[in-house]
PDB file of all heavy atoms in Angstrom:
ATOM      1  N   LYS A   1       0.530   3.004  26.557  1.00  0.00           N
ATOM      2  CA  LYS A   1       0.053   1.897  25.735  1.00  0.00           C
ATOM      3  C   LYS A   1      -1.408   2.125  25.369  1.00  0.00           C
ATOM      4  O   LYS A   1      -2.214   2.546  26.203  1.00  0.00           O
ATOM      5  CB  LYS A   1       0.209   0.578  26.490  1.00  0.00           C
ATOM      6  CG  LYS A   1      -0.240  -0.645  25.718  1.00  0.00           C
ATOM      7  CD  LYS A   1      -0.020  -1.907  26.535  1.00  0.00           C
ATOM      8  CE  LYS A   1      -0.476  -3.132  25.759  1.00  0.00           C
ATOM      9  NZ  LYS A   1      -0.283  -4.388  26.536  1.00  0.00           N
ATOM     10  N   GLU A   2      -1.736   1.844  24.097  1.00  0.00           N
ATOM     11  CA  GLU A   2      -3.105   1.960  23.620  1.00  0.00           C
ATOM     12  C   GLU A   2      -3.744   0.578  23.525  1.00  0.00           C
ATOM     13  O   GLU A   2      -3.032  -0.438  23.428  1.00  0.00           O
ATOM     14  CB  GLU A   2      -3.143   2.635  22.244  1.00  0.00           C
ATOM     15  CG  GLU A   2      -2.995   4.137  22.298  1.00  0.00           C
ATOM     16  CD  GLU A   2      -3.384   4.786  20.985  1.00  0.00           C
ATOM     17  OE1 GLU A   2      -3.682   4.036  20.029  1.00  0.00           O
ATOM     18  OE2 GLU A   2      -3.387   6.022  20.922  1.00  0.00           O
ATOM     19  N   PRO A   3      -5.059   0.533  23.509  1.00  0.00           N
ATOM     20  CA  PRO A   3      -5.723  -0.771  23.349  1.00  0.00           C
ATOM     21  C   PRO A   3      -5.374  -1.401  22.003  1.00  0.00           C
ATOM     22  O   PRO A   3      -5.182  -0.713  21.000  1.00  0.00           O
ATOM     23  CB  PRO A   3      -7.209  -0.427  23.449  1.00  0.00           C
ATOM     24  CG  PRO A   3      -7.253   0.871  24.184  1.00  0.00           C
ATOM     25  CD  PRO A   3      -6.000   1.606  23.805  1.00  0.00           C
ATOM     26  N   LYS A   4      -5.331  -2.705  21.987  1.00  0.00           N
ATOM     27  CA  LYS A   4      -4.967  -3.444  20.784  1.00  0.00           C
ATOM     28  C   LYS A   4      -6.054  -3.323  19.739  1.00  0.00           C
ATOM     29  O   LYS A   4      -7.242  -3.469  20.029  1.00  0.00           O
ATOM     30  CB  LYS A   4      -4.732  -4.915  21.137  1.00  0.00           C
ATOM     31  CG  LYS A   4      -4.144  -5.743  20.018  1.00  0.00           C
ATOM     32  CD  LYS A   4      -2.685  -5.407  19.804  1.00  0.00           C
ATOM     33  CE  LYS A   4      -2.039  -6.342  18.784  1.00  0.00           C
ATOM     34  NZ  LYS A   4      -0.632  -6.038  18.545  1.00  0.00           N
ATOM     35  N   LYS A   5      -5.641  -3.030  18.482  1.00  0.00           N
ATOM     36  CA  LYS A   5      -6.571  -2.942  17.357  1.00  0.00           C
ATOM     37  C   LYS A   5      -6.211  -3.988  16.323  1.00  0.00           C
ATOM     38  O   LYS A   5      -5.052  -4.339  16.157  1.00  0.00           O
ATOM     39  CB  LYS A   5      -6.533  -1.551  16.715  1.00  0.00           C
ATOM     40  CG  LYS A   5      -7.017  -0.444  17.630  1.00  0.00           C
ATOM     41  CD  LYS A   5      -6.993   0.881  16.912  1.00  0.00           C
ATOM     42  CE  LYS A   5      -7.482   1.996  17.833  1.00  0.00           C
ATOM     43  NZ  LYS A   5      -7.456   3.318  17.130  1.00  0.00           N
ATOM     44  N   ASP A   6      -7.215  -4.454  15.643  1.00  0.00           N
ATOM     45  CA  ASP A   6      -7.013  -5.465  14.606  1.00  0.00           C
ATOM     46  C   ASP A   6      -6.643  -4.767  13.303  1.00  0.00           C
ATOM     47  O   ASP A   6      -7.460  -4.106  12.675  1.00  0.00           O
ATOM     48  CB  ASP A   6      -8.286  -6.300  14.410  1.00  0.00           C
ATOM     49  CG  ASP A   6      -8.060  -7.437  13.420  1.00  0.00           C
ATOM     50  OD1 ASP A   6      -6.875  -7.744  13.143  1.00  0.00           O
ATOM     51  OD2 ASP A   6      -9.056  -8.020  12.943  1.00  0.00           O
ATOM     52  N   SER A   7      -5.383  -4.909  12.926  1.00  0.00           N
ATOM     53  CA  SER A   7      -4.893  -4.287  11.693  1.00  0.00           C
ATOM     54  C   SER A   7      -4.374  -5.323  10.721  1.00  0.00           C
ATOM     55  O   SER A   7      -3.523  -5.041   9.888  1.00  0.00           O
ATOM     56  CB  SER A   7      -3.785  -3.283  12.015  1.00  0.00           C
ATOM     57  OG  SER A   7      -2.715  -3.941  12.683  1.00  0.00           O
ATOM     58  N   SER A   8      -4.839  -6.540  10.846  1.00  0.00           N
ATOM     59  CA  SER A   8      -4.373  -7.606   9.958  1.00  0.00           C
ATOM     60  C   SER A   8      -4.875  -7.377   8.548  1.00  0.00           C
ATOM     61  O   SER A   8      -6.036  -7.023   8.334  1.00  0.00           O
ATOM     62  CB  SER A   8      -4.857  -8.968  10.476  1.00  0.00           C
ATOM     63  OG  SER A   8      -6.274  -8.999  10.542  1.00  0.00           O
ATOM     64  N   GLY A   9      -4.035  -7.586   7.614  1.00  0.00           N
ATOM     65  CA  GLY A   9      -4.409  -7.417   6.213  1.00  0.00           C
ATOM     66  C   GLY A   9      -4.214  -6.022   5.692  1.00  0.00           C
ATOM     67  O   GLY A   9      -4.316  -5.792   4.483  1.00  0.00           O
ATOM     68  N   ASN A  10      -3.944  -5.059   6.571  1.00  0.00           N
ATOM     69  CA  ASN A  10      -3.714  -3.690   6.127  1.00  0.00           C
ATOM     70  C   ASN A  10      -2.271  -3.512   5.670  1.00  0.00           C
ATOM     71  O   ASN A  10      -1.355  -4.086   6.242  1.00  0.00           O
ATOM     72  CB  ASN A  10      -4.021  -2.710   7.263  1.00  0.00           C
ATOM     73  CG  ASN A  10      -5.488  -2.734   7.658  1.00  0.00           C
ATOM     74  OD1 ASN A  10      -6.337  -3.106   6.849  1.00  0.00           O
ATOM     75  ND2 ASN A  10      -5.762  -2.361   8.902  1.00  0.00           N
ATOM     76  N   ILE A  11      -2.107  -2.739   4.660  1.00  0.00           N
ATOM     77  CA  ILE A  11      -0.759  -2.428   4.180  1.00  0.00           C
ATOM     78  C   ILE A  11      -0.498  -0.951   4.418  1.00  0.00           C
ATOM     79  O   ILE A  11      -1.423  -0.146   4.545  1.00  0.00           O
ATOM     80  CB  ILE A  11      -0.601  -2.769   2.680  1.00  0.00           C
ATOM     81  CG1 ILE A  11      -1.576  -1.946   1.836  1.00  0.00           C
ATOM     82  CG2 ILE A  11      -0.783  -4.245   2.440  1.00  0.00           C
ATOM     83  CD1 ILE A  11      -1.383  -2.151   0.341  1.00  0.00           C
ATOM     84  N   SER A  12       0.762  -0.608   4.477  1.00  0.00           N
ATOM     85  CA  SER A  12       1.129   0.768   4.790  1.00  0.00           C
ATOM     86  C   SER A  12       0.827   1.692   3.618  1.00  0.00           C
ATOM     87  O   SER A  12       0.649   1.253   2.470  1.00  0.00           O
ATOM     88  CB  SER A  12       2.621   0.838   5.135  1.00  0.00           C
ATOM     89  OG  SER A  12       3.383   0.405   4.026  1.00  0.00           O
ATOM     90  N   CYS A  13       0.780   2.984   3.937  1.00  0.00           N
ATOM     91  CA  CYS A  13       0.447   3.970   2.906  1.00  0.00           C
ATOM     92  C   CYS A  13       1.495   4.014   1.803  1.00  0.00           C
ATOM     93  O   CYS A  13       1.157   4.112   0.616  1.00  0.00           O
ATOM     94  CB  CYS A  13       0.290   5.347   3.564  1.00  0.00           C
ATOM     95  SG  CYS A  13      -1.041   5.435   4.783  1.00  0.00           S
ATOM     96  N   ASN A  14       2.778   3.951   2.189  1.00  0.00           N
ATOM     97  CA  ASN A  14       3.809   4.029   1.160  1.00  0.00           C
ATOM     98  C   ASN A  14       3.800   2.806   0.258  1.00  0.00           C
ATOM     99  O   ASN A  14       4.029   2.902  -0.943  1.00  0.00           O
ATOM    100  CB  ASN A  14       5.180   4.218   1.811  1.00  0.00           C
ATOM    101  CG  ASN A  14       5.435   3.199   2.911  1.00  0.00           C
ATOM    102  OD1 ASN A  14       4.602   2.336   3.167  1.00  0.00           O
ATOM    103  ND2 ASN A  14       6.579   3.317   3.552  1.00  0.00           N
ATOM    104  N   MET A  15       3.533   1.615   0.838  1.00  0.00           N
ATOM    105  CA  MET A  15       3.421   0.416   0.002  1.00  0.00           C
ATOM    106  C   MET A  15       2.213   0.506  -0.925  1.00  0.00           C
ATOM    107  O   MET A  15       2.261   0.075  -2.086  1.00  0.00           O
ATOM    108  CB  MET A  15       3.327  -0.824   0.880  1.00  0.00           C
ATOM    109  CG  MET A  15       4.591  -1.141   1.667  1.00  0.00           C
ATOM    110  SD  MET A  15       4.408  -2.598   2.692  1.00  0.00           S
ATOM    111  CE  MET A  15       4.091  -3.843   1.442  1.00  0.00           C
ATOM    112  N   TYR A  16       1.121   1.089  -0.430  1.00  0.00           N
ATOM    113  CA  TYR A  16      -0.080   1.218  -1.259  1.00  0.00           C
ATOM    114  C   TYR A  16       0.156   2.155  -2.433  1.00  0.00           C
ATOM    115  O   TYR A  16      -0.259   1.870  -3.572  1.00  0.00           O
ATOM    116  CB  TYR A  16      -1.235   1.728  -0.397  1.00  0.00           C
ATOM    117  CG  TYR A  16      -2.510   1.951  -1.172  1.00  0.00           C
ATOM    118  CD1 TYR A  16      -3.334   0.884  -1.515  1.00  0.00           C
ATOM    119  CD2 TYR A  16      -2.884   3.232  -1.569  1.00  0.00           C
ATOM    120  CE1 TYR A  16      -4.506   1.090  -2.237  1.00  0.00           C
ATOM    121  CE2 TYR A  16      -4.051   3.453  -2.281  1.00  0.00           C
ATOM    122  CZ  TYR A  16      -4.851   2.375  -2.615  1.00  0.00           C
ATOM    123  OH  TYR A  16      -6.009   2.579  -3.333  1.00  0.00           O
ATOM    124  N   VAL A  17       0.857   3.273  -2.193  1.00  0.00           N
ATOM    125  CA  VAL A  17       1.141   4.220  -3.270  1.00  0.00           C
ATOM    126  C   VAL A  17       2.029   3.587  -4.331  1.00  0.00           C
ATOM    127  O   VAL A  17       1.797   3.725  -5.540  1.00  0.00           O
ATOM    128  CB  VAL A  17       1.787   5.490  -2.693  1.00  0.00           C
ATOM    129  CG1 VAL A  17       2.283   6.399  -3.810  1.00  0.00           C
ATOM    130  CG2 VAL A  17       0.803   6.232  -1.811  1.00  0.00           C
ATOM    131  N   VAL A  18       3.046   2.842  -3.899  1.00  0.00           N
ATOM    132  CA  VAL A  18       3.945   2.207  -4.859  1.00  0.00           C
ATOM    133  C   VAL A  18       3.227   1.133  -5.658  1.00  0.00           C
ATOM    134  O   VAL A  18       3.381   1.037  -6.884  1.00  0.00           O
ATOM    135  CB  VAL A  18       5.167   1.624  -4.119  1.00  0.00           C
ATOM    136  CG1 VAL A  18       6.029   0.810  -5.070  1.00  0.00           C
ATOM    137  CG2 VAL A  18       5.990   2.736  -3.495  1.00  0.00           C
ATOM    138  N   MET A  19       2.432   0.307  -4.976  1.00  0.00           N
ATOM    139  CA  MET A  19       1.753  -0.793  -5.668  1.00  0.00           C
ATOM    140  C   MET A  19       0.617  -0.296  -6.565  1.00  0.00           C
ATOM    141  O   MET A  19       0.433  -0.803  -7.677  1.00  0.00           O
ATOM    142  CB  MET A  19       1.209  -1.777  -4.639  1.00  0.00           C
ATOM    143  CG  MET A  19       2.281  -2.509  -3.837  1.00  0.00           C
ATOM    144  SD  MET A  19       1.599  -3.473  -2.475  1.00  0.00           S
ATOM    145  CE  MET A  19       0.460  -4.535  -3.367  1.00  0.00           C
ATOM    146  N   LYS A  20      -0.133   0.688  -6.097  1.00  0.00           N
ATOM    147  CA  LYS A  20      -1.343   1.094  -6.820  1.00  0.00           C
ATOM    148  C   LYS A  20      -1.052   2.061  -7.955  1.00  0.00           C
ATOM    149  O   LYS A  20      -1.649   1.974  -9.028  1.00  0.00           O
ATOM    150  CB  LYS A  20      -2.324   1.736  -5.829  1.00  0.00           C
ATOM    151  CG  LYS A  20      -3.651   2.144  -6.443  1.00  0.00           C
ATOM    152  CD  LYS A  20      -4.450   0.945  -6.915  1.00  0.00           C
ATOM    153  CE  LYS A  20      -5.812   1.364  -7.459  1.00  0.00           C
ATOM    154  NZ  LYS A  20      -6.563   0.205  -7.986  1.00  0.00           N
ATOM    155  N   TYR A  21      -0.121   2.974  -7.752  1.00  0.00           N
ATOM    156  CA  TYR A  21       0.097   4.040  -8.723  1.00  0.00           C
ATOM    157  C   TYR A  21       1.445   3.909  -9.447  1.00  0.00           C
ATOM    158  O   TYR A  21       1.488   3.802 -10.676  1.00  0.00           O
ATOM    159  CB  TYR A  21      -0.003   5.410  -8.033  1.00  0.00           C
ATOM    160  CG  TYR A  21      -1.359   5.673  -7.435  1.00  0.00           C
ATOM    161  CD1 TYR A  21      -1.579   5.527  -6.072  1.00  0.00           C
ATOM    162  CD2 TYR A  21      -2.434   6.055  -8.236  1.00  0.00           C
ATOM    163  CE1 TYR A  21      -2.824   5.771  -5.511  1.00  0.00           C
ATOM    164  CE2 TYR A  21      -3.686   6.303  -7.692  1.00  0.00           C
ATOM    165  CZ  TYR A  21      -3.875   6.151  -6.329  1.00  0.00           C
ATOM    166  OH  TYR A  21      -5.110   6.381  -5.797  1.00  0.00           O
ATOM    167  N   PHE A  22       2.537   3.924  -8.697  1.00  0.00           N
ATOM    168  CA  PHE A  22       3.857   3.954  -9.327  1.00  0.00           C
ATOM    169  C   PHE A  22       4.109   2.716 -10.175  1.00  0.00           C
ATOM    170  O   PHE A  22       4.539   2.813 -11.333  1.00  0.00           O
ATOM    171  CB  PHE A  22       4.937   4.092  -8.252  1.00  0.00           C
ATOM    172  CG  PHE A  22       6.327   4.172  -8.814  1.00  0.00           C
ATOM    173  CD1 PHE A  22       6.800   5.339  -9.393  1.00  0.00           C
ATOM    174  CD2 PHE A  22       7.158   3.066  -8.781  1.00  0.00           C
ATOM    175  CE1 PHE A  22       8.079   5.408  -9.927  1.00  0.00           C
ATOM    176  CE2 PHE A  22       8.440   3.121  -9.304  1.00  0.00           C
ATOM    177  CZ  PHE A  22       8.895   4.297  -9.877  1.00  0.00           C
ATOM    178  N   ALA A  23       3.858   1.533  -9.625  1.00  0.00           N
ATOM    179  CA  ALA A  23       4.148   0.297 -10.354  1.00  0.00           C
ATOM    180  C   ALA A  23       3.268   0.160 -11.595  1.00  0.00           C
ATOM    181  O   ALA A  23       3.747  -0.240 -12.671  1.00  0.00           O
ATOM    182  CB  ALA A  23       3.957  -0.904  -9.437  1.00  0.00           C
ATOM    183  N   GLU A  24       1.996   0.499 -11.472  1.00  0.00           N
ATOM    184  CA  GLU A  24       1.095   0.363 -12.627  1.00  0.00           C
ATOM    185  C   GLU A  24       1.467   1.323 -13.750  1.00  0.00           C
ATOM    186  O   GLU A  24       1.441   0.957 -14.927  1.00  0.00           O
ATOM    187  CB  GLU A  24      -0.350   0.601 -12.181  1.00  0.00           C
ATOM    188  CG  GLU A  24      -0.912  -0.500 -11.290  1.00  0.00           C
ATOM    189  CD  GLU A  24      -2.368  -0.284 -10.978  1.00  0.00           C
ATOM    190  OE1 GLU A  24      -2.943   0.719 -11.502  1.00  0.00           O
ATOM    191  OE2 GLU A  24      -2.954  -1.090 -10.230  1.00  0.00           O
ATOM    192  N   VAL A  25       1.834   2.555 -13.379  1.00  0.00           N
ATOM    193  CA  VAL A  25       2.208   3.526 -14.412  1.00  0.00           C
ATOM    194  C   VAL A  25       3.546   3.145 -15.050  1.00  0.00           C
ATOM    195  O   VAL A  25       3.712   3.208 -16.278  1.00  0.00           O
ATOM    196  CB  VAL A  25       2.278   4.941 -13.793  1.00  0.00           C
ATOM    197  CG1 VAL A  25       2.834   5.936 -14.811  1.00  0.00           C
ATOM    198  CG2 VAL A  25       0.904   5.381 -13.323  1.00  0.00           C
ATOM    199  N   LEU A  26       4.504   2.715 -14.235  1.00  0.00           N
ATOM    200  CA  LEU A  26       5.823   2.379 -14.768  1.00  0.00           C
ATOM    201  C   LEU A  26       5.782   1.162 -15.683  1.00  0.00           C
ATOM    202  O   LEU A  26       6.505   1.101 -16.677  1.00  0.00           O
ATOM    203  CB  LEU A  26       6.792   2.129 -13.606  1.00  0.00           C
ATOM    204  CG  LEU A  26       8.242   1.813 -13.979  1.00  0.00           C
ATOM    205  CD1 LEU A  26       8.872   2.996 -14.718  1.00  0.00           C
ATOM    206  CD2 LEU A  26       9.060   1.469 -12.744  1.00  0.00           C
ATOM    207  N   LEU A  27       4.932   0.193 -15.401  1.00  0.00           N
ATOM    208  CA  LEU A  27       4.869  -1.037 -16.186  1.00  0.00           C
ATOM    209  C   LEU A  27       3.881  -0.968 -17.340  1.00  0.00           C
ATOM    210  O   LEU A  27       3.643  -1.987 -18.006  1.00  0.00           O
ATOM    211  CB  LEU A  27       4.505  -2.212 -15.272  1.00  0.00           C
ATOM    212  CG  LEU A  27       5.515  -2.523 -14.155  1.00  0.00           C
ATOM    213  CD1 LEU A  27       5.030  -3.667 -13.284  1.00  0.00           C
ATOM    214  CD2 LEU A  27       6.886  -2.836 -14.740  1.00  0.00           C
ATOM    215  N   SER A  28       3.322   0.199 -17.587  1.00  0.00           N
ATOM    216  CA  SER A  28       2.402   0.323 -18.713  1.00  0.00           C
ATOM    217  C   SER A  28       3.154   0.248 -20.036  1.00  0.00           C
ATOM    218  O   SER A  28       4.369   0.470 -20.101  1.00  0.00           O
ATOM    219  CB  SER A  28       1.627   1.642 -18.617  1.00  0.00           C
ATOM    220  OG  SER A  28       2.515   2.738 -18.710  1.00  0.00           O
ATOM    221  N   ASP A  29       2.452  -0.057 -21.110  1.00  0.00           N
ATOM    222  CA  ASP A  29       3.086  -0.250 -22.426  1.00  0.00           C
ATOM    223  C   ASP A  29       3.651   1.052 -23.001  1.00  0.00           C
ATOM    224  O   ASP A  29       4.521   1.003 -23.884  1.00  0.00           O
ATOM    225  CB  ASP A  29       2.065  -0.838 -23.401  1.00  0.00           C
ATOM    226  CG  ASP A  29       1.608  -2.228 -22.988  1.00  0.00           C
ATOM    227  OD1 ASP A  29       2.383  -2.889 -22.262  1.00  0.00           O
ATOM    228  OD2 ASP A  29       0.485  -2.636 -23.364  1.00  0.00           O
ATOM    229  N   ILE A  30       3.186   2.188 -22.539  1.00  0.00           N
ATOM    230  CA  ILE A  30       3.666   3.469 -23.070  1.00  0.00           C
ATOM    231  C   ILE A  30       4.884   3.964 -22.291  1.00  0.00           C
ATOM    232  O   ILE A  30       5.863   4.446 -22.869  1.00  0.00           O
ATOM    233  CB  ILE A  30       2.542   4.523 -23.034  1.00  0.00           C
ATOM    234  CG1 ILE A  30       1.357   4.057 -23.899  1.00  0.00           C
ATOM    235  CG2 ILE A  30       3.050   5.871 -23.504  1.00  0.00           C
ATOM    236  CD1 ILE A  30       0.170   4.991 -23.849  1.00  0.00           C
TER     237      ILE A  30
END
């Protein structure tokens, strides 16, 4: 067991990639 860390508000890497890059590019007008 490791000491408890405060990770509230953090999102996972895969969710960040989908939200930041994939979704924005896919929903663009072009």
